[in-house]
Amino acid sequence: MSEAGAPFSGDTRILVVCTGNLCRSPFAEGYLRQVLGCEEVSSAGTHAVPGNRVPEEGLSVAQRFGVDLRGHRARRLSLEDVEEAELILCMEPYHLAMVEPMALPLGVSRERFVTLDIPDPYGRGQAAYEDSYAQIAEFLKRGAQD
């Protein structure tokens, strides 16, 4: 599925995937849930350290987009996450390359995947968070309008 055709609705089970589940995927999950009203959304990281918290820069920038990430704790992607998702939103092609080999043997169709190319802001300062989060929010808003 291309970027342009990603429908986000309140009852679609959405899984958002990034590397550490600290920046991009929690923001997308929060934006979908808190701003767009999607109820069935979760996030996970391909290399997450369970329990890690969102960095301070990420918290403050997310707040400006109306997203509160203070309660978020990182979690690692599981087979169950992949199997249950109706739409899997990968933050970059690398994540698709990690998730697809898990998904295809489970019978998960390639049509369930949406792949973006959002740079990882981790450790790159506040401006990087602003840029990444703005790209994510814009994409999600467009998807909600489709």
N, C-alpha and C. Protein backbone atom coordinates (compact mmCIF):
# COMPACT_ATOMS: atom_id res chain seq x y z
N MET A 1 0.86 -1.18 0.00
CA MET A 1 0.00 0.00 0.00
C MET A 1 0.89 1.23 0.00
N SER A 2 0.55 2.22 -0.76
CA SER A 2 1.35 3.43 -0.82
C SER A 2 0.99 4.37 0.31
N GLU A 3 1.83 5.38 0.49
CA GLU A 3 1.57 6.38 1.52
C GLU A 3 0.21 7.03 1.33
N ALA A 4 -0.15 7.32 0.08
CA ALA A 4 -1.35 8.09 -0.18
C ALA A 4 -2.63 7.34 0.17
N GLY A 5 -2.59 6.01 0.23
CA GLY A 5 -3.82 5.27 0.41
C GLY A 5 -4.04 4.68 1.78
N ALA A 6 -3.58 5.31 2.82
CA ALA A 6 -3.67 4.73 4.15
C ALA A 6 -4.90 5.25 4.88
N PRO A 7 -5.95 4.44 5.01
CA PRO A 7 -7.14 4.89 5.71
C PRO A 7 -7.04 4.63 7.21
N PHE A 8 -7.30 5.64 7.99
CA PHE A 8 -7.27 5.50 9.45
C PHE A 8 -8.66 5.78 9.97
N SER A 9 -9.26 4.76 10.56
CA SER A 9 -10.58 4.95 11.13
C SER A 9 -10.59 4.42 12.55
N GLY A 10 -11.62 4.78 13.27
CA GLY A 10 -11.70 4.45 14.68
C GLY A 10 -11.71 2.97 15.00
N ASP A 11 -12.14 2.13 14.06
CA ASP A 11 -12.26 0.71 14.38
C ASP A 11 -11.23 -0.18 13.68
N THR A 12 -10.30 0.38 12.94
CA THR A 12 -9.23 -0.40 12.31
C THR A 12 -8.14 -0.66 13.34
N ARG A 13 -7.72 -1.92 13.47
CA ARG A 13 -6.63 -2.26 14.40
C ARG A 13 -5.30 -1.90 13.74
N ILE A 14 -4.68 -0.85 14.26
CA ILE A 14 -3.46 -0.30 13.67
C ILE A 14 -2.27 -0.60 14.58
N LEU A 15 -1.18 -1.05 13.97
CA LEU A 15 0.09 -1.26 14.66
C LEU A 15 1.10 -0.33 14.02
N VAL A 16 1.77 0.48 14.84
CA VAL A 16 2.81 1.39 14.35
C VAL A 16 4.15 0.86 14.81
N VAL A 17 5.11 0.76 13.87
CA VAL A 17 6.40 0.15 14.17
C VAL A 17 7.54 1.12 13.86
N CYS A 18 8.47 1.23 14.81
CA CYS A 18 9.74 1.92 14.58
C CYS A 18 10.84 1.09 15.23
N THR A 19 11.99 1.69 15.47
CA THR A 19 13.12 0.93 15.98
C THR A 19 13.03 0.71 17.49
N GLY A 20 13.04 1.80 18.25
CA GLY A 20 13.11 1.69 19.71
C GLY A 20 11.81 1.87 20.44
N ASN A 21 10.73 2.20 19.71
CA ASN A 21 9.44 2.48 20.32
C ASN A 21 9.54 3.60 21.35
N LEU A 22 10.37 4.60 20.99
CA LEU A 22 10.58 5.75 21.87
C LEU A 22 10.19 7.08 21.24
N CYS A 23 10.20 7.17 19.93
CA CYS A 23 10.00 8.47 19.29
C CYS A 23 8.86 8.43 18.27
N ARG A 24 9.12 7.85 17.13
CA ARG A 24 8.16 7.91 16.02
C ARG A 24 6.90 7.09 16.26
N SER A 25 7.04 5.82 16.59
CA SER A 25 5.83 4.99 16.73
C SER A 25 4.96 5.40 17.92
N PRO A 26 5.54 5.77 19.08
CA PRO A 26 4.65 6.22 20.15
C PRO A 26 3.94 7.53 19.81
N PHE A 27 4.65 8.42 19.09
CA PHE A 27 4.00 9.66 18.69
C PHE A 27 2.84 9.36 17.74
N ALA A 28 3.08 8.51 16.75
CA ALA A 28 2.01 8.16 15.81
C ALA A 28 0.84 7.49 16.53
N GLU A 29 1.14 6.59 17.45
CA GLU A 29 0.08 5.94 18.24
C GLU A 29 -0.70 6.99 19.01
N GLY A 30 0.01 7.88 19.70
CA GLY A 30 -0.65 8.92 20.48
C GLY A 30 -1.48 9.85 19.62
N TYR A 31 -0.96 10.22 18.47
CA TYR A 31 -1.68 11.13 17.58
C TYR A 31 -2.95 10.45 17.06
N LEU A 32 -2.82 9.22 16.64
CA LEU A 32 -3.99 8.48 16.17
C LEU A 32 -5.05 8.36 17.26
N ARG A 33 -4.62 8.07 18.46
CA ARG A 33 -5.54 7.84 19.58
C ARG A 33 -6.08 9.16 20.13
N GLN A 34 -5.19 10.10 20.47
CA GLN A 34 -5.58 11.31 21.20
C GLN A 34 -6.10 12.43 20.32
N VAL A 35 -5.63 12.53 19.09
CA VAL A 35 -6.05 13.62 18.21
C VAL A 35 -7.10 13.15 17.20
N LEU A 36 -6.89 11.98 16.61
CA LEU A 36 -7.80 11.51 15.56
C LEU A 36 -8.88 10.56 16.06
N GLY A 37 -8.81 10.14 17.33
CA GLY A 37 -9.87 9.33 17.92
C GLY A 37 -9.87 7.86 17.56
N CYS A 38 -8.76 7.34 17.05
CA CYS A 38 -8.67 5.90 16.77
C CYS A 38 -8.53 5.16 18.09
N GLU A 39 -9.28 4.10 18.26
CA GLU A 39 -9.27 3.36 19.52
C GLU A 39 -8.37 2.14 19.50
N GLU A 40 -8.30 1.47 18.37
CA GLU A 40 -7.57 0.20 18.25
C GLU A 40 -6.19 0.45 17.66
N VAL A 41 -5.31 1.05 18.43
CA VAL A 41 -3.97 1.37 17.93
C VAL A 41 -2.94 1.03 18.99
N SER A 42 -1.81 0.49 18.53
CA SER A 42 -0.71 0.18 19.43
C SER A 42 0.59 0.46 18.69
N SER A 43 1.69 0.44 19.43
CA SER A 43 3.00 0.65 18.81
C SER A 43 4.01 -0.28 19.45
N ALA A 44 5.07 -0.55 18.69
CA ALA A 44 6.13 -1.42 19.18
C ALA A 44 7.40 -1.12 18.39
N GLY A 45 8.52 -1.58 18.93
CA GLY A 45 9.80 -1.35 18.28
C GLY A 45 10.49 -2.65 17.90
N THR A 46 11.16 -2.63 16.76
CA THR A 46 11.88 -3.83 16.32
C THR A 46 13.05 -4.14 17.24
N HIS A 47 13.63 -3.12 17.86
CA HIS A 47 14.77 -3.30 18.76
C HIS A 47 14.55 -2.58 20.09
N ALA A 48 13.32 -2.51 20.52
CA ALA A 48 12.98 -1.78 21.74
C ALA A 48 13.54 -2.45 22.99
N VAL A 49 13.91 -1.61 23.94
CA VAL A 49 14.26 -2.07 25.28
C VAL A 49 13.02 -1.83 26.13
N PRO A 50 12.31 -2.91 26.49
CA PRO A 50 11.05 -2.74 27.21
C PRO A 50 11.20 -1.87 28.47
N GLY A 51 10.24 -0.94 28.60
CA GLY A 51 10.21 -0.08 29.77
C GLY A 51 10.88 1.27 29.58
N ASN A 52 11.68 1.43 28.54
CA ASN A 52 12.31 2.74 28.31
C ASN A 52 11.25 3.80 28.09
N ARG A 53 11.61 5.03 28.46
CA ARG A 53 10.68 6.16 28.35
C ARG A 53 11.05 7.08 27.19
N VAL A 54 10.08 7.83 26.73
CA VAL A 54 10.29 8.81 25.67
C VAL A 54 11.25 9.89 26.16
N PRO A 55 12.26 10.26 25.36
CA PRO A 55 13.18 11.33 25.76
C PRO A 55 12.44 12.66 25.97
N GLU A 56 13.03 13.52 26.79
CA GLU A 56 12.40 14.82 27.12
C GLU A 56 12.04 15.63 25.89
N GLU A 57 12.95 15.68 24.89
CA GLU A 57 12.64 16.45 23.68
C GLU A 57 11.38 15.92 23.01
N GLY A 58 11.25 14.60 22.98
CA GLY A 58 10.07 13.99 22.38
C GLY A 58 8.80 14.31 23.13
N LEU A 59 8.88 14.32 24.45
CA LEU A 59 7.71 14.66 25.27
C LEU A 59 7.24 16.07 25.00
N SER A 60 8.17 17.02 24.99
CA SER A 60 7.78 18.43 24.83
C SER A 60 7.26 18.73 23.43
N VAL A 61 7.88 18.16 22.41
CA VAL A 61 7.41 18.39 21.05
C VAL A 61 6.05 17.72 20.84
N ALA A 62 5.88 16.51 21.32
CA ALA A 62 4.59 15.82 21.19
C ALA A 62 3.47 16.63 21.84
N GLN A 63 3.76 17.23 22.99
CA GLN A 63 2.77 18.03 23.71
C GLN A 63 2.24 19.16 22.82
N ARG A 64 3.11 19.76 22.02
CA ARG A 64 2.69 20.85 21.12
C ARG A 64 1.75 20.36 20.02
N PHE A 65 1.79 19.07 19.73
CA PHE A 65 0.87 18.49 18.75
C PHE A 65 -0.38 17.93 19.41
N GLY A 66 -0.52 18.14 20.72
CA GLY A 66 -1.68 17.65 21.44
C GLY A 66 -1.58 16.20 21.88
N VAL A 67 -0.33 15.69 21.97
CA VAL A 67 -0.11 14.29 22.32
C VAL A 67 0.68 14.20 23.61
N ASP A 68 0.15 13.48 24.58
CA ASP A 68 0.82 13.28 25.86
C ASP A 68 1.45 11.89 25.87
N LEU A 69 2.78 11.85 25.90
CA LEU A 69 3.52 10.58 25.88
C LEU A 69 4.16 10.25 27.22
N ARG A 70 3.80 10.98 28.28
CA ARG A 70 4.44 10.75 29.58
C ARG A 70 4.25 9.34 30.10
N GLY A 71 3.14 8.71 29.80
CA GLY A 71 2.88 7.37 30.31
C GLY A 71 3.40 6.25 29.42
N HIS A 72 3.96 6.61 28.29
CA HIS A 72 4.41 5.57 27.35
C HIS A 72 5.67 4.86 27.85
N ARG A 73 5.68 3.54 27.69
CA ARG A 73 6.86 2.71 27.97
C ARG A 73 7.11 1.85 26.74
N ALA A 74 8.36 1.80 26.33
CA ALA A 74 8.72 1.05 25.12
C ALA A 74 8.39 -0.43 25.27
N ARG A 75 8.02 -1.03 24.15
CA ARG A 75 7.82 -2.47 24.13
C ARG A 75 8.29 -3.02 22.79
N ARG A 76 8.72 -4.25 22.83
CA ARG A 76 9.28 -4.91 21.65
C ARG A 76 8.16 -5.55 20.82
N LEU A 77 8.31 -5.48 19.52
CA LEU A 77 7.38 -6.07 18.58
C LEU A 77 7.26 -7.58 18.79
N SER A 78 6.04 -8.08 18.74
CA SER A 78 5.81 -9.53 18.90
C SER A 78 5.04 -10.08 17.70
N LEU A 79 5.08 -11.38 17.55
CA LEU A 79 4.30 -12.05 16.51
C LEU A 79 2.81 -11.77 16.69
N GLU A 80 2.36 -11.75 17.93
CA GLU A 80 0.95 -11.48 18.21
C GLU A 80 0.55 -10.09 17.72
N ASP A 81 1.41 -9.09 17.93
CA ASP A 81 1.13 -7.74 17.43
C ASP A 81 0.88 -7.76 15.93
N VAL A 82 1.78 -8.43 15.22
CA VAL A 82 1.71 -8.48 13.76
C VAL A 82 0.46 -9.22 13.30
N GLU A 83 0.17 -10.32 13.92
CA GLU A 83 -0.97 -11.15 13.53
C GLU A 83 -2.30 -10.44 13.74
N GLU A 84 -2.41 -9.67 14.82
CA GLU A 84 -3.68 -9.02 15.16
C GLU A 84 -3.94 -7.72 14.40
N ALA A 85 -2.90 -7.11 13.85
CA ALA A 85 -3.06 -5.81 13.19
C ALA A 85 -3.75 -5.93 11.84
N GLU A 86 -4.64 -4.99 11.59
CA GLU A 86 -5.28 -4.90 10.27
C GLU A 86 -4.49 -3.96 9.36
N LEU A 87 -3.73 -3.07 9.97
CA LEU A 87 -2.89 -2.13 9.23
C LEU A 87 -1.59 -2.00 10.01
N ILE A 88 -0.46 -2.18 9.34
CA ILE A 88 0.84 -2.08 9.98
C ILE A 88 1.58 -0.91 9.34
N LEU A 89 1.78 0.12 10.14
CA LEU A 89 2.41 1.35 9.68
C LEU A 89 3.88 1.34 10.10
N CYS A 90 4.76 1.16 9.12
CA CYS A 90 6.21 1.12 9.37
C CYS A 90 6.79 2.50 9.13
N MET A 91 7.57 2.99 10.07
CA MET A 91 8.11 4.34 9.96
C MET A 91 9.18 4.50 8.89
N GLU A 92 9.82 3.41 8.47
CA GLU A 92 10.80 3.49 7.39
C GLU A 92 10.93 2.10 6.75
N PRO A 93 11.51 2.04 5.55
CA PRO A 93 11.63 0.76 4.85
C PRO A 93 12.34 -0.33 5.66
N TYR A 94 13.29 0.05 6.49
CA TYR A 94 14.00 -0.92 7.33
C TYR A 94 13.02 -1.70 8.21
N HIS A 95 12.03 -1.01 8.74
CA HIS A 95 11.05 -1.67 9.62
C HIS A 95 10.20 -2.68 8.84
N LEU A 96 9.85 -2.32 7.62
CA LEU A 96 9.13 -3.27 6.77
C LEU A 96 9.98 -4.52 6.56
N ALA A 97 11.27 -4.32 6.30
CA ALA A 97 12.18 -5.46 6.09
C ALA A 97 12.28 -6.35 7.33
N MET A 98 12.09 -5.78 8.51
CA MET A 98 12.12 -6.55 9.75
C MET A 98 10.79 -7.25 10.03
N VAL A 99 9.68 -6.59 9.70
CA VAL A 99 8.36 -7.10 10.05
C VAL A 99 7.83 -8.10 9.02
N GLU A 100 8.09 -7.85 7.77
CA GLU A 100 7.53 -8.70 6.71
C GLU A 100 7.88 -10.18 6.86
N PRO A 101 9.13 -10.55 7.19
CA PRO A 101 9.42 -11.97 7.38
C PRO A 101 8.67 -12.61 8.55
N MET A 102 8.27 -11.79 9.52
CA MET A 102 7.44 -12.29 10.62
C MET A 102 6.00 -12.49 10.13
N ALA A 103 5.55 -11.56 9.29
CA ALA A 103 4.14 -11.48 8.92
C ALA A 103 3.73 -12.49 7.86
N LEU A 104 4.53 -12.65 6.84
CA LEU A 104 4.12 -13.48 5.71
C LEU A 104 3.85 -14.94 6.10
N PRO A 105 4.68 -15.58 6.94
CA PRO A 105 4.34 -16.96 7.35
C PRO A 105 3.05 -17.06 8.16
N LEU A 106 2.62 -15.94 8.74
CA LEU A 106 1.37 -15.92 9.50
C LEU A 106 0.16 -15.71 8.60
N GLY A 107 0.42 -15.52 7.31
CA GLY A 107 -0.66 -15.26 6.37
C GLY A 107 -1.08 -13.81 6.30
N VAL A 108 -0.26 -12.92 6.85
CA VAL A 108 -0.56 -11.49 6.82
C VAL A 108 -0.24 -10.97 5.42
N SER A 109 -1.21 -10.38 4.78
CA SER A 109 -1.06 -9.88 3.42
C SER A 109 -0.16 -8.64 3.36
N ARG A 110 0.59 -8.52 2.28
CA ARG A 110 1.41 -7.32 2.06
C ARG A 110 0.55 -6.06 1.98
N GLU A 111 -0.70 -6.24 1.64
CA GLU A 111 -1.61 -5.09 1.53
C GLU A 111 -1.89 -4.44 2.88
N ARG A 112 -1.57 -5.10 3.96
CA ARG A 112 -1.78 -4.51 5.29
C ARG A 112 -0.69 -3.52 5.67
N PHE A 113 0.39 -3.46 4.91
CA PHE A 113 1.54 -2.62 5.25
C PHE A 113 1.47 -1.25 4.60
N VAL A 114 1.86 -0.26 5.36
CA VAL A 114 2.10 1.09 4.85
C VAL A 114 3.50 1.46 5.34
N THR A 115 4.34 1.88 4.41
CA THR A 115 5.72 2.21 4.78
C THR A 115 6.00 3.68 4.48
N LEU A 116 6.47 4.37 5.49
CA LEU A 116 6.87 5.77 5.36
C LEU A 116 8.39 5.85 5.29
N ASP A 117 8.90 7.05 5.25
CA ASP A 117 10.35 7.26 5.31
C ASP A 117 10.60 8.45 6.23
N ILE A 118 10.29 8.26 7.51
CA ILE A 118 10.41 9.30 8.53
C ILE A 118 11.74 9.14 9.25
N PRO A 119 12.59 10.16 9.23
CA PRO A 119 13.89 10.03 9.91
C PRO A 119 13.74 9.89 11.42
N ASP A 120 14.62 9.09 12.00
CA ASP A 120 14.61 8.87 13.45
C ASP A 120 15.20 10.09 14.15
N PRO A 121 14.42 10.76 15.01
CA PRO A 121 14.94 11.95 15.68
C PRO A 121 15.78 11.65 16.92
N TYR A 122 15.83 10.39 17.34
CA TYR A 122 16.49 10.03 18.60
C TYR A 122 17.93 10.55 18.64
N GLY A 123 18.22 11.34 19.68
CA GLY A 123 19.57 11.85 19.88
C GLY A 123 19.98 12.97 18.95
N ARG A 124 19.04 13.50 18.17
CA ARG A 124 19.38 14.53 17.18
C ARG A 124 18.82 15.91 17.53
N GLY A 125 18.29 16.07 18.72
CA GLY A 125 17.82 17.37 19.18
C GLY A 125 16.37 17.67 18.86
N GLN A 126 15.91 18.77 19.43
CA GLN A 126 14.51 19.15 19.35
C GLN A 126 14.04 19.40 17.92
N ALA A 127 14.87 20.03 17.10
CA ALA A 127 14.46 20.32 15.72
C ALA A 127 14.17 19.03 14.95
N ALA A 128 14.92 17.98 15.22
CA ALA A 128 14.68 16.69 14.54
C ALA A 128 13.34 16.11 14.96
N TYR A 129 12.99 16.25 16.24
CA TYR A 129 11.67 15.78 16.71
C TYR A 129 10.57 16.59 16.04
N GLU A 130 10.75 17.90 15.97
CA GLU A 130 9.74 18.74 15.34
C GLU A 130 9.50 18.33 13.89
N ASP A 131 10.58 18.08 13.16
CA ASP A 131 10.47 17.69 11.76
C ASP A 131 9.80 16.32 11.62
N SER A 132 10.26 15.35 12.36
CA SER A 132 9.69 13.99 12.26
C SER A 132 8.23 13.97 12.68
N TYR A 133 7.91 14.60 13.79
CA TYR A 133 6.54 14.60 14.28
C TYR A 133 5.61 15.35 13.33
N ALA A 134 6.08 16.43 12.72
CA ALA A 134 5.26 17.16 11.75
C ALA A 134 4.96 16.29 10.54
N GLN A 135 5.95 15.55 10.07
CA GLN A 135 5.73 14.65 8.93
C GLN A 135 4.72 13.56 9.27
N ILE A 136 4.85 12.99 10.45
CA ILE A 136 3.92 11.94 10.88
C ILE A 136 2.50 12.50 11.00
N ALA A 137 2.36 13.64 11.67
CA ALA A 137 1.03 14.24 11.86
C ALA A 137 0.37 14.55 10.53
N GLU A 138 1.13 15.10 9.60
CA GLU A 138 0.58 15.44 8.28
C GLU A 138 0.10 14.19 7.56
N PHE A 139 0.90 13.15 7.58
CA PHE A 139 0.51 11.89 6.94
C PHE A 139 -0.75 11.32 7.58
N LEU A 140 -0.80 11.30 8.89
CA LEU A 140 -1.96 10.72 9.59
C LEU A 140 -3.22 11.55 9.35
N LYS A 141 -3.09 12.87 9.32
CA LYS A 141 -4.26 13.71 9.02
C LYS A 141 -4.81 13.41 7.64
N ARG A 142 -3.92 13.27 6.66
CA ARG A 142 -4.35 12.95 5.29
C ARG A 142 -5.07 11.60 5.26
N GLY A 143 -4.52 10.61 5.98
CA GLY A 143 -5.13 9.28 6.01
C GLY A 143 -6.49 9.28 6.67
N ALA A 144 -6.67 10.13 7.66
CA ALA A 144 -7.95 10.21 8.36
C ALA A 144 -9.02 10.85 7.49
N GLN A 145 -8.59 11.67 6.53
CA GLN A 145 -9.55 12.36 5.66
C GLN A 145 -9.98 11.51 4.48
N ASP A 146 -9.21 10.46 4.18
CA ASP A 146 -9.55 9.59 3.03
C ASP A 146 -10.77 8.75 3.29
